[in-house]
Amino acid sequence: MKIIMNVRITQGYEKWVELFHSAGSVREQFGITVLAYGHDKDNDSSVYQVLEVESMEKMQEAMSNPELQKMRTDAGVDLESQRVTFLVE
């Protein structure tokens, strides 16, 4: 299943990218593959990720994982702003 995730970040894009890359092994544990990521052309505080997930159950498990939540908040992710779009394959 492929999804687009959009979040607002509060501590700068460069910091988010650095911490996003450092979470790769945690994402792997939950069967999440990053296909692409980036930000709006004129707004680098609105970040998009295109992800492939094994299942929504695994994705929900990942999103409730304290370690991953801490990594995301440390990167400046406003968890309340998160929006997910499900893509048709």
PDB file of N, CA and C in Angstrom:
ATOM      1  N   MET A   1       0.834  -1.162   0.000  1.00  0.00           N
ATOM      2  CA  MET A   1       0.000   0.000   0.000  1.00  0.00           C
ATOM      3  C   MET A   1       0.889   1.238   0.000  1.00  0.00           C
ATOM      4  N   LYS A   2       0.549   2.209  -0.833  1.00  0.00           N
ATOM      5  CA  LYS A   2       1.315   3.454  -0.908  1.00  0.00           C
ATOM      6  C   LYS A   2       0.483   4.589  -0.319  1.00  0.00           C
ATOM      7  N   ILE A   3       1.184   5.456   0.413  1.00  0.00           N
ATOM      8  CA  ILE A   3       0.520   6.597   1.024  1.00  0.00           C
ATOM      9  C   ILE A   3       1.379   7.847   0.850  1.00  0.00           C
ATOM     10  N   ILE A   4       0.718   8.989   0.923  1.00  0.00           N
ATOM     11  CA  ILE A   4       1.419  10.268   1.008  1.00  0.00           C
ATOM     12  C   ILE A   4       1.135  10.817   2.397  1.00  0.00           C
ATOM     13  N   MET A   5       2.182  11.151   3.109  1.00  0.00           N
ATOM     14  CA  MET A   5       2.035  11.734   4.431  1.00  0.00           C
ATOM     15  C   MET A   5       2.513  13.183   4.361  1.00  0.00           C
ATOM     16  N   ASN A   6       1.723  14.080   4.923  1.00  0.00           N
ATOM     17  CA  ASN A   6       2.083  15.487   4.972  1.00  0.00           C
ATOM     18  C   ASN A   6       2.079  15.929   6.427  1.00  0.00           C
ATOM     19  N   VAL A   7       3.142  16.623   6.833  1.00  0.00           N
ATOM     20  CA  VAL A   7       3.230  17.170   8.186  1.00  0.00           C
ATOM     21  C   VAL A   7       3.843  18.558   8.131  1.00  0.00           C
ATOM     22  N   ARG A   8       3.570  19.320   9.179  1.00  0.00           N
ATOM     23  CA  ARG A   8       4.212  20.622   9.346  1.00  0.00           C
ATOM     24  C   ARG A   8       5.398  20.410  10.273  1.00  0.00           C
ATOM     25  N   ILE A   9       6.531  21.033   9.927  1.00  0.00           N
ATOM     26  CA  ILE A   9       7.711  20.945  10.793  1.00  0.00           C
ATOM     27  C   ILE A   9       8.017  22.329  11.348  1.00  0.00           C
ATOM     28  N   THR A  10       8.595  22.341  12.531  1.00  0.00           N
ATOM     29  CA  THR A  10       8.788  23.609  13.237  1.00  0.00           C
ATOM     30  C   THR A  10      10.249  23.964  13.509  1.00  0.00           C
ATOM     31  N   GLN A  11      11.174  23.054  13.186  1.00  0.00           N
ATOM     32  CA  GLN A  11      12.579  23.305  13.525  1.00  0.00           C
ATOM     33  C   GLN A  11      13.496  23.329  12.314  1.00  0.00           C
ATOM     34  N   GLY A  12      12.930  23.540  11.143  1.00  0.00           N
ATOM     35  CA  GLY A  12      13.736  23.654   9.937  1.00  0.00           C
ATOM     36  C   GLY A  12      13.853  22.362   9.159  1.00  0.00           C
ATOM     37  N   TYR A  13      13.896  22.524   7.839  1.00  0.00           N
ATOM     38  CA  TYR A  13      13.923  21.377   6.934  1.00  0.00           C
ATOM     39  C   TYR A  13      15.209  20.568   7.065  1.00  0.00           C
ATOM     40  N   GLU A  14      16.345  21.235   7.192  1.00  0.00           N
ATOM     41  CA  GLU A  14      17.627  20.513   7.264  1.00  0.00           C
ATOM     42  C   GLU A  14      17.672  19.601   8.480  1.00  0.00           C
ATOM     43  N   LYS A  15      17.185  20.093   9.616  1.00  0.00           N
ATOM     44  CA  LYS A  15      17.157  19.255  10.821  1.00  0.00           C
ATOM     45  C   LYS A  15      16.218  18.077  10.606  1.00  0.00           C
ATOM     46  N   TRP A  16      15.054  18.342   9.991  1.00  0.00           N
ATOM     47  CA  TRP A  16      14.109  17.264   9.739  1.00  0.00           C
ATOM     48  C   TRP A  16      14.740  16.190   8.854  1.00  0.00           C
ATOM     49  N   VAL A  17      15.409  16.588   7.770  1.00  0.00           N
ATOM     50  CA  VAL A  17      16.028  15.624   6.853  1.00  0.00           C
ATOM     51  C   VAL A  17      17.055  14.769   7.589  1.00  0.00           C
ATOM     52  N   GLU A  18      17.883  15.399   8.402  1.00  0.00           N
ATOM     53  CA  GLU A  18      18.913  14.664   9.137  1.00  0.00           C
ATOM     54  C   GLU A  18      18.274  13.603  10.041  1.00  0.00           C
ATOM     55  N   LEU A  19      17.285  13.979  10.798  1.00  0.00           N
ATOM     56  CA  LEU A  19      16.647  13.033  11.702  1.00  0.00           C
ATOM     57  C   LEU A  19      15.786  12.024  10.952  1.00  0.00           C
ATOM     58  N   PHE A  20      15.209  12.426   9.831  1.00  0.00           N
ATOM     59  CA  PHE A  20      14.431  11.517   8.991  1.00  0.00           C
ATOM     60  C   PHE A  20      15.321  10.378   8.501  1.00  0.00           C
ATOM     61  N   HIS A  21      16.509  10.717   8.037  1.00  0.00           N
ATOM     62  CA  HIS A  21      17.445   9.685   7.581  1.00  0.00           C
ATOM     63  C   HIS A  21      17.884   8.777   8.727  1.00  0.00           C
ATOM     64  N   SER A  22      18.047   9.339   9.912  1.00  0.00           N
ATOM     65  CA  SER A  22      18.514   8.531  11.039  1.00  0.00           C
ATOM     66  C   SER A  22      17.464   7.524  11.513  1.00  0.00           C
ATOM     67  N   ALA A  23      16.199   7.698  11.095  1.00  0.00           N
ATOM     68  CA  ALA A  23      15.123   6.791  11.519  1.00  0.00           C
ATOM     69  C   ALA A  23      14.911   5.637  10.547  1.00  0.00           C
ATOM     70  N   GLY A  24      15.775   5.493   9.565  1.00  0.00           N
ATOM     71  CA  GLY A  24      15.606   4.463   8.542  1.00  0.00           C
ATOM     72  C   GLY A  24      15.494   3.058   9.097  1.00  0.00           C
ATOM     73  N   SER A  25      16.319   2.709  10.071  1.00  0.00           N
ATOM     74  CA  SER A  25      16.274   1.350  10.612  1.00  0.00           C
ATOM     75  C   SER A  25      14.983   1.103  11.389  1.00  0.00           C
ATOM     76  N   VAL A  26      14.465   2.132  12.027  1.00  0.00           N
ATOM     77  CA  VAL A  26      13.200   1.985  12.755  1.00  0.00           C
ATOM     78  C   VAL A  26      12.060   1.775  11.765  1.00  0.00           C
ATOM     79  N   ARG A  27      12.060   2.554  10.669  1.00  0.00           N
ATOM     80  CA  ARG A  27      11.025   2.365   9.644  1.00  0.00           C
ATOM     81  C   ARG A  27      11.089   0.952   9.070  1.00  0.00           C
ATOM     82  N   GLU A  28      12.304   0.456   8.862  1.00  0.00           N
ATOM     83  CA  GLU A  28      12.482  -0.911   8.328  1.00  0.00           C
ATOM     84  C   GLU A  28      11.819  -1.951   9.213  1.00  0.00           C
ATOM     85  N   GLN A  29      11.927  -1.775  10.523  1.00  0.00           N
ATOM     86  CA  GLN A  29      11.329  -2.724  11.473  1.00  0.00           C
ATOM     87  C   GLN A  29       9.817  -2.841  11.262  1.00  0.00           C
ATOM     88  N   PHE A  30       9.208  -1.775  10.771  1.00  0.00           N
ATOM     89  CA  PHE A  30       7.763  -1.753  10.590  1.00  0.00           C
ATOM     90  C   PHE A  30       7.353  -1.938   9.126  1.00  0.00           C
ATOM     91  N   GLY A  31       8.309  -2.289   8.281  1.00  0.00           N
ATOM     92  CA  GLY A  31       7.990  -2.547   6.882  1.00  0.00           C
ATOM     93  C   GLY A  31       7.600  -1.305   6.109  1.00  0.00           C
ATOM     94  N   ILE A  32       8.221  -0.166   6.447  1.00  0.00           N
ATOM     95  CA  ILE A  32       7.933   1.101   5.772  1.00  0.00           C
ATOM     96  C   ILE A  32       9.107   1.444   4.865  1.00  0.00           C
ATOM     97  N   THR A  33       8.816   1.638   3.587  1.00  0.00           N
ATOM     98  CA  THR A  33       9.828   2.016   2.605  1.00  0.00           C
ATOM     99  C   THR A  33       9.545   3.427   2.125  1.00  0.00           C
ATOM    100  N   VAL A  34      10.568   4.273   2.128  1.00  0.00           N
ATOM    101  CA  VAL A  34      10.433   5.639   1.638  1.00  0.00           C
ATOM    102  C   VAL A  34      10.654   5.632   0.131  1.00  0.00           C
ATOM    103  N   LEU A  35       9.668   6.125  -0.608  1.00  0.00           N
ATOM    104  CA  LEU A  35       9.788   6.224  -2.063  1.00  0.00           C
ATOM    105  C   LEU A  35      10.248   7.608  -2.489  1.00  0.00           C
ATOM    106  N   ALA A  36       9.840   8.626  -1.737  1.00  0.00           N
ATOM    107  CA  ALA A  36      10.239  10.003  -2.046  1.00  0.00           C
ATOM    108  C   ALA A  36       9.865  10.890  -0.867  1.00  0.00           C
ATOM    109  N   TYR A  37      10.504  12.053  -0.781  1.00  0.00           N
ATOM    110  CA  TYR A  37      10.119  13.057   0.212  1.00  0.00           C
ATOM    111  C   TYR A  37      10.522  14.431  -0.299  1.00  0.00           C
ATOM    112  N   GLY A  38       9.922  15.451   0.258  1.00  0.00           N
ATOM    113  CA  GLY A  38      10.251  16.811  -0.138  1.00  0.00           C
ATOM    114  C   GLY A  38       9.309  17.794   0.510  1.00  0.00           C
ATOM    115  N   HIS A  39       9.361  19.043   0.026  1.00  0.00           N
ATOM    116  CA  HIS A  39       8.527  20.096   0.603  1.00  0.00           C
ATOM    117  C   HIS A  39       7.932  20.955  -0.502  1.00  0.00           C
ATOM    118  N   ASP A  40       6.941  21.746  -0.124  1.00  0.00           N
ATOM    119  CA  ASP A  40       6.353  22.688  -1.071  1.00  0.00           C
ATOM    120  C   ASP A  40       7.441  23.619  -1.598  1.00  0.00           C
ATOM    121  N   LYS A  41       7.293  24.046  -2.826  1.00  0.00           N
ATOM    122  CA  LYS A  41       8.297  24.892  -3.467  1.00  0.00           C
ATOM    123  C   LYS A  41       8.610  26.141  -2.637  1.00  0.00           C
ATOM    124  N   ASP A  42       7.590  26.781  -2.127  1.00  0.00           N
ATOM    125  CA  ASP A  42       7.780  28.044  -1.408  1.00  0.00           C
ATOM    126  C   ASP A  42       7.559  27.922   0.096  1.00  0.00           C
ATOM    127  N   ASN A  43       7.505  26.698   0.595  1.00  0.00           N
ATOM    128  CA  ASN A  43       7.224  26.513   2.016  1.00  0.00           C
ATOM    129  C   ASN A  43       7.907  25.233   2.496  1.00  0.00           C
ATOM    130  N   ASP A  44       9.113  25.369   3.027  1.00  0.00           N
ATOM    131  CA  ASP A  44       9.824  24.162   3.451  1.00  0.00           C
ATOM    132  C   ASP A  44       9.402  23.683   4.842  1.00  0.00           C
ATOM    133  N   SER A  45       8.351  24.278   5.407  1.00  0.00           N
ATOM    134  CA  SER A  45       7.836  23.773   6.679  1.00  0.00           C
ATOM    135  C   SER A  45       6.654  22.822   6.477  1.00  0.00           C
ATOM    136  N   SER A  46       6.278  22.573   5.226  1.00  0.00           N
ATOM    137  CA  SER A  46       5.239  21.602   4.894  1.00  0.00           C
ATOM    138  C   SER A  46       5.921  20.467   4.133  1.00  0.00           C
ATOM    139  N   VAL A  47       6.113  19.342   4.829  1.00  0.00           N
ATOM    140  CA  VAL A  47       6.904  18.241   4.295  1.00  0.00           C
ATOM    141  C   VAL A  47       5.996  17.102   3.856  1.00  0.00           C
ATOM    142  N   TYR A  48       6.344  16.512   2.715  1.00  0.00           N
ATOM    143  CA  TYR A  48       5.610  15.369   2.169  1.00  0.00           C
ATOM    144  C   TYR A  48       6.524  14.160   2.103  1.00  0.00           C
ATOM    145  N   GLN A  49       5.936  12.995   2.380  1.00  0.00           N
ATOM    146  CA  GLN A  49       6.647  11.731   2.236  1.00  0.00           C
ATOM    147  C   GLN A  49       5.755  10.778   1.461  1.00  0.00           C
ATOM    148  N   VAL A  50       6.327  10.104   0.486  1.00  0.00           N
ATOM    149  CA  VAL A  50       5.612   9.044  -0.220  1.00  0.00           C
ATOM    150  C   VAL A  50       6.193   7.745   0.312  1.00  0.00           C
ATOM    151  N   LEU A  51       5.317   6.938   0.925  1.00  0.00           N
ATOM    152  CA  LEU A  51       5.759   5.737   1.612  1.00  0.00           C
ATOM    153  C   LEU A  51       5.033   4.510   1.080  1.00  0.00           C
ATOM    154  N   GLU A  52       5.719   3.404   1.121  1.00  0.00           N
ATOM    155  CA  GLU A  52       5.076   2.125   0.850  1.00  0.00           C
ATOM    156  C   GLU A  52       5.097   1.348   2.160  1.00  0.00           C
ATOM    157  N   VAL A  53       3.928   0.874   2.568  1.00  0.00           N
ATOM    158  CA  VAL A  53       3.814   0.168   3.844  1.00  0.00           C
ATOM    159  C   VAL A  53       3.272  -1.233   3.603  1.00  0.00           C
ATOM    160  N   GLU A  54       3.726  -2.165   4.428  1.00  0.00           N
ATOM    161  CA  GLU A  54       3.267  -3.550   4.307  1.00  0.00           C
ATOM    162  C   GLU A  54       1.776  -3.659   4.581  1.00  0.00           C
ATOM    163  N   SER A  55       1.322  -2.933   5.606  1.00  0.00           N
ATOM    164  CA  SER A  55      -0.091  -2.962   5.973  1.00  0.00           C
ATOM    165  C   SER A  55      -0.402  -1.741   6.831  1.00  0.00           C
ATOM    166  N   MET A  56      -1.675  -1.393   6.907  1.00  0.00           N
ATOM    167  CA  MET A  56      -2.069  -0.280   7.767  1.00  0.00           C
ATOM    168  C   MET A  56      -1.862  -0.634   9.229  1.00  0.00           C
ATOM    169  N   GLU A  57      -1.979  -1.892   9.575  1.00  0.00           N
ATOM    170  CA  GLU A  57      -1.749  -2.310  10.954  1.00  0.00           C
ATOM    171  C   GLU A  57      -0.305  -2.012  11.362  1.00  0.00           C
ATOM    172  N   LYS A  58       0.638  -2.351  10.485  1.00  0.00           N
ATOM    173  CA  LYS A  58       2.058  -2.075  10.767  1.00  0.00           C
ATOM    174  C   LYS A  58       2.310  -0.577  10.826  1.00  0.00           C
ATOM    175  N   MET A  59       1.655   0.189   9.949  1.00  0.00           N
ATOM    176  CA  MET A  59       1.819   1.642   9.948  1.00  0.00           C
ATOM    177  C   MET A  59       1.282   2.225  11.255  1.00  0.00           C
ATOM    178  N   GLN A  60       0.133   1.779  11.693  1.00  0.00           N
ATOM    179  CA  GLN A  60      -0.440   2.260  12.948  1.00  0.00           C
ATOM    180  C   GLN A  60       0.445   1.879  14.133  1.00  0.00           C
ATOM    181  N   GLU A  61       1.009   0.685  14.076  1.00  0.00           N
ATOM    182  CA  GLU A  61       1.939   0.248  15.117  1.00  0.00           C
ATOM    183  C   GLU A  61       3.163   1.168  15.147  1.00  0.00           C
ATOM    184  N   ALA A  62       3.670   1.508  13.982  1.00  0.00           N
ATOM    185  CA  ALA A  62       4.825   2.404  13.899  1.00  0.00           C
ATOM    186  C   ALA A  62       4.485   3.782  14.453  1.00  0.00           C
ATOM    187  N   MET A  63       3.333   4.315  14.081  1.00  0.00           N
ATOM    188  CA  MET A  63       2.952   5.658  14.517  1.00  0.00           C
ATOM    189  C   MET A  63       2.720   5.733  16.027  1.00  0.00           C
ATOM    190  N   SER A  64       2.442   4.611  16.662  1.00  0.00           N
ATOM    191  CA  SER A  64       2.254   4.609  18.110  1.00  0.00           C
ATOM    192  C   SER A  64       3.523   4.196  18.866  1.00  0.00           C
ATOM    193  N   ASN A  65       4.598   3.897  18.131  1.00  0.00           N
ATOM    194  CA  ASN A  65       5.863   3.495  18.740  1.00  0.00           C
ATOM    195  C   ASN A  65       6.528   4.702  19.415  1.00  0.00           C
ATOM    196  N   PRO A  66       6.793   4.640  20.732  1.00  0.00           N
ATOM    197  CA  PRO A  66       7.383   5.779  21.450  1.00  0.00           C
ATOM    198  C   PRO A  66       8.723   6.247  20.872  1.00  0.00           C
ATOM    199  N   GLU A  67       9.561   5.306  20.440  1.00  0.00           N
ATOM    200  CA  GLU A  67      10.872   5.675  19.884  1.00  0.00           C
ATOM    201  C   GLU A  67      10.702   6.497  18.609  1.00  0.00           C
ATOM    202  N   LEU A  68       9.824   6.040  17.732  1.00  0.00           N
ATOM    203  CA  LEU A  68       9.594   6.766  16.484  1.00  0.00           C
ATOM    204  C   LEU A  68       8.901   8.105  16.743  1.00  0.00           C
ATOM    205  N   GLN A  69       7.972   8.136  17.682  1.00  0.00           N
ATOM    206  CA  GLN A  69       7.314   9.400  18.031  1.00  0.00           C
ATOM    207  C   GLN A  69       8.337  10.414  18.534  1.00  0.00           C
ATOM    208  N   LYS A  70       9.261   9.967  19.393  1.00  0.00           N
ATOM    209  CA  LYS A  70      10.288  10.870  19.913  1.00  0.00           C
ATOM    210  C   LYS A  70      11.188  11.372  18.794  1.00  0.00           C
ATOM    211  N   MET A  71      11.590  10.488  17.894  1.00  0.00           N
ATOM    212  CA  MET A  71      12.437  10.901  16.767  1.00  0.00           C
ATOM    213  C   MET A  71      11.720  11.967  15.940  1.00  0.00           C
ATOM    214  N   ARG A  72      10.428  11.765  15.717  1.00  0.00           N
ATOM    215  CA  ARG A  72       9.653  12.705  14.901  1.00  0.00           C
ATOM    216  C   ARG A  72       9.520  14.049  15.606  1.00  0.00           C
ATOM    217  N   THR A  73       9.214  14.046  16.901  1.00  0.00           N
ATOM    218  CA  THR A  73       9.079  15.323  17.602  1.00  0.00           C
ATOM    219  C   THR A  73      10.433  16.013  17.745  1.00  0.00           C
ATOM    220  N   ASP A  74      11.510  15.239  17.930  1.00  0.00           N
ATOM    221  CA  ASP A  74      12.856  15.824  17.977  1.00  0.00           C
ATOM    222  C   ASP A  74      13.196  16.507  16.649  1.00  0.00           C
ATOM    223  N   ALA A  75      12.633  16.007  15.562  1.00  0.00           N
ATOM    224  CA  ALA A  75      12.873  16.589  14.233  1.00  0.00           C
ATOM    225  C   ALA A  75      11.956  17.776  13.966  1.00  0.00           C
ATOM    226  N   GLY A  76      11.108  18.112  14.934  1.00  0.00           N
ATOM    227  CA  GLY A  76      10.242  19.269  14.775  1.00  0.00           C
ATOM    228  C   GLY A  76       8.906  18.965  14.123  1.00  0.00           C
ATOM    229  N   VAL A  77       8.519  17.702  14.035  1.00  0.00           N
ATOM    230  CA  VAL A  77       7.241  17.345  13.418  1.00  0.00           C
ATOM    231  C   VAL A  77       6.105  17.712  14.366  1.00  0.00           C
ATOM    232  N   ASP A  78       5.150  18.461  13.849  1.00  0.00           N
ATOM    233  CA  ASP A  78       3.919  18.760  14.573  1.00  0.00           C
ATOM    234  C   ASP A  78       2.980  17.588  14.328  1.00  0.00           C
ATOM    235  N   LEU A  79       2.931  16.658  15.270  1.00  0.00           N
ATOM    236  CA  LEU A  79       2.170  15.415  15.085  1.00  0.00           C
ATOM    237  C   LEU A  79       0.682  15.682  14.851  1.00  0.00           C
ATOM    238  N   GLU A  80       0.162  16.764  15.393  1.00  0.00           N
ATOM    239  CA  GLU A  80      -1.256  17.098  15.204  1.00  0.00           C
ATOM    240  C   GLU A  80      -1.564  17.513  13.766  1.00  0.00           C
ATOM    241  N   SER A  81      -0.554  17.931  13.031  1.00  0.00           N
ATOM    242  CA  SER A  81      -0.761  18.410  11.664  1.00  0.00           C
ATOM    243  C   SER A  81      -0.746  17.281  10.631  1.00  0.00           C
ATOM    244  N   GLN A  82      -0.447  16.073  11.063  1.00  0.00           N
ATOM    245  CA  GLN A  82      -0.264  14.952  10.134  1.00  0.00           C
ATOM    246  C   GLN A  82      -1.521  14.637   9.331  1.00  0.00           C
ATOM    247  N   ARG A  83      -1.341  14.524   8.022  1.00  0.00           N
ATOM    248  CA  ARG A  83      -2.416  14.139   7.101  1.00  0.00           C
ATOM    249  C   ARG A  83      -1.897  12.992   6.236  1.00  0.00           C
ATOM    250  N   VAL A  84      -2.755  11.992   6.035  1.00  0.00           N
ATOM    251  CA  VAL A  84      -2.374  10.812   5.232  1.00  0.00           C
ATOM    252  C   VAL A  84      -3.334  10.677   4.077  1.00  0.00           C
ATOM    253  N   THR A  85      -2.769  10.471   2.872  1.00  0.00           N
ATOM    254  CA  THR A  85      -3.565  10.221   1.661  1.00  0.00           C
ATOM    255  C   THR A  85      -3.226   8.825   1.178  1.00  0.00           C
ATOM    256  N   PHE A  86      -4.255   8.010   0.980  1.00  0.00           N
ATOM    257  CA  PHE A  86      -4.063   6.642   0.495  1.00  0.00           C
ATOM    258  C   PHE A  86      -4.095   6.663  -1.024  1.00  0.00           C
ATOM    259  N   LEU A  87      -3.118   6.038  -1.647  1.00  0.00           N
ATOM    260  CA  LEU A  87      -3.003   6.027  -3.092  1.00  0.00           C
ATOM    261  C   LEU A  87      -3.528   4.717  -3.668  1.00  0.00           C
ATOM    262  N   VAL A  88      -4.163   4.821  -4.801  1.00  0.00           N
ATOM    263  CA  VAL A  88      -4.640   3.643  -5.514  1.00  0.00           C
ATOM    264  C   VAL A  88      -3.487   3.166  -6.385  1.00  0.00           C
ATOM    265  N   GLU A  89      -3.219   1.895  -6.337  1.00  0.00           N
ATOM    266  CA  GLU A  89      -2.085   1.376  -7.095  1.00  0.00           C
ATOM    267  C   GLU A  89      -2.483   0.986  -8.488  1.00  0.00           C
TER     268      GLU A  89
END
